[in-house]
Amino acid sequence: MSAINLRNEQQQSGKSQLTKLYEIMRETMENGFYGSVEVKFEAGKVTIIRKTESIKI
C-alpha cells in the first residue's frame, strides 16, 4: 500500500492537482494495476491518494 500526498508534490513540481491525479491514474491503468485507489479530499482539494495493490494468483 502506498499513499501519495499531492499537496507536497504540487509545491515541488508546480503541477495542478488534476494533472497529477490524471498522471497517477494513467500510470495505474497502463501498468495493469490490480487493487483499489482511494482519493481523499479536504476543503475541496485532493490531499491523499492511497493505492492498495492486490495480487491475483
Protein backbone atom coordinates (compact mmCIF):
# COMPACT_ATOMS: atom_id res chain seq x y z
CA MET A 1 0.00 0.00 0.00
CA SER A 2 1.23 3.46 -0.76
CA ALA A 3 -0.10 6.91 -0.01
CA ILE A 4 0.76 10.00 -2.01
CA ASN A 5 0.41 13.48 -0.59
CA LEU A 6 -0.42 15.77 -3.52
CA ARG A 7 -0.04 18.98 -1.54
CA ASN A 8 3.73 18.46 -1.04
CA GLU A 9 4.27 17.13 -4.55
CA GLN A 10 2.39 20.04 -6.10
CA GLN A 11 4.61 22.57 -4.32
CA GLN A 12 7.73 20.82 -5.61
CA SER A 13 6.64 20.24 -9.21
CA GLY A 14 4.26 23.15 -9.83
CA LYS A 15 1.70 20.83 -11.49
CA SER A 16 -2.00 21.22 -10.82
CA GLN A 17 -3.72 18.63 -8.64
CA LEU A 18 -5.92 17.50 -11.52
CA THR A 19 -2.90 16.97 -13.78
CA LYS A 20 -1.05 14.98 -11.12
CA LEU A 21 -4.15 12.90 -10.32
CA TYR A 22 -4.61 12.17 -14.03
CA GLU A 23 -0.96 11.07 -14.36
CA ILE A 24 -1.26 8.74 -11.36
CA MET A 25 -4.45 7.16 -12.73
CA ARG A 26 -2.94 6.79 -16.23
CA GLU A 27 0.16 5.05 -14.83
CA THR A 28 -2.05 2.81 -12.71
CA MET A 29 -4.06 1.70 -15.73
CA GLU A 30 -1.04 1.28 -18.05
CA ASN A 31 0.77 -0.93 -15.52
CA GLY A 32 -2.14 -3.37 -15.21
CA PHE A 33 -2.73 -2.45 -11.57
CA TYR A 34 -4.98 -4.85 -9.65
CA GLY A 35 -6.34 -3.33 -6.45
CA SER A 36 -8.06 -0.19 -5.24
CA VAL A 37 -7.42 3.55 -5.32
CA GLU A 38 -8.82 5.90 -2.66
CA VAL A 39 -8.79 9.68 -3.15
CA LYS A 40 -9.18 11.81 -0.01
CA PHE A 41 -10.37 15.41 -0.22
CA GLU A 42 -10.12 18.16 2.39
CA ALA A 43 -11.77 21.52 1.79
CA GLY A 44 -12.32 20.67 -1.88
CA LYS A 45 -8.69 19.75 -2.56
CA VAL A 46 -7.09 16.35 -3.03
CA THR A 47 -4.85 15.65 -0.06
CA ILE A 48 -4.11 11.92 -0.19
CA ILE A 49 -4.27 9.20 -2.81
CA ARG A 50 -3.98 5.71 -1.37
CA LYS A 51 -3.27 2.76 -3.65
CA THR A 52 -3.75 -0.74 -2.26
CA GLU A 53 -2.45 -3.43 -4.58
CA SER A 54 -3.83 -6.95 -4.59
CA ILE A 55 -2.01 -9.94 -6.01
CA LYS A 56 -4.13 -12.29 -8.07
CA ILE A 57 -2.80 -15.86 -8.22
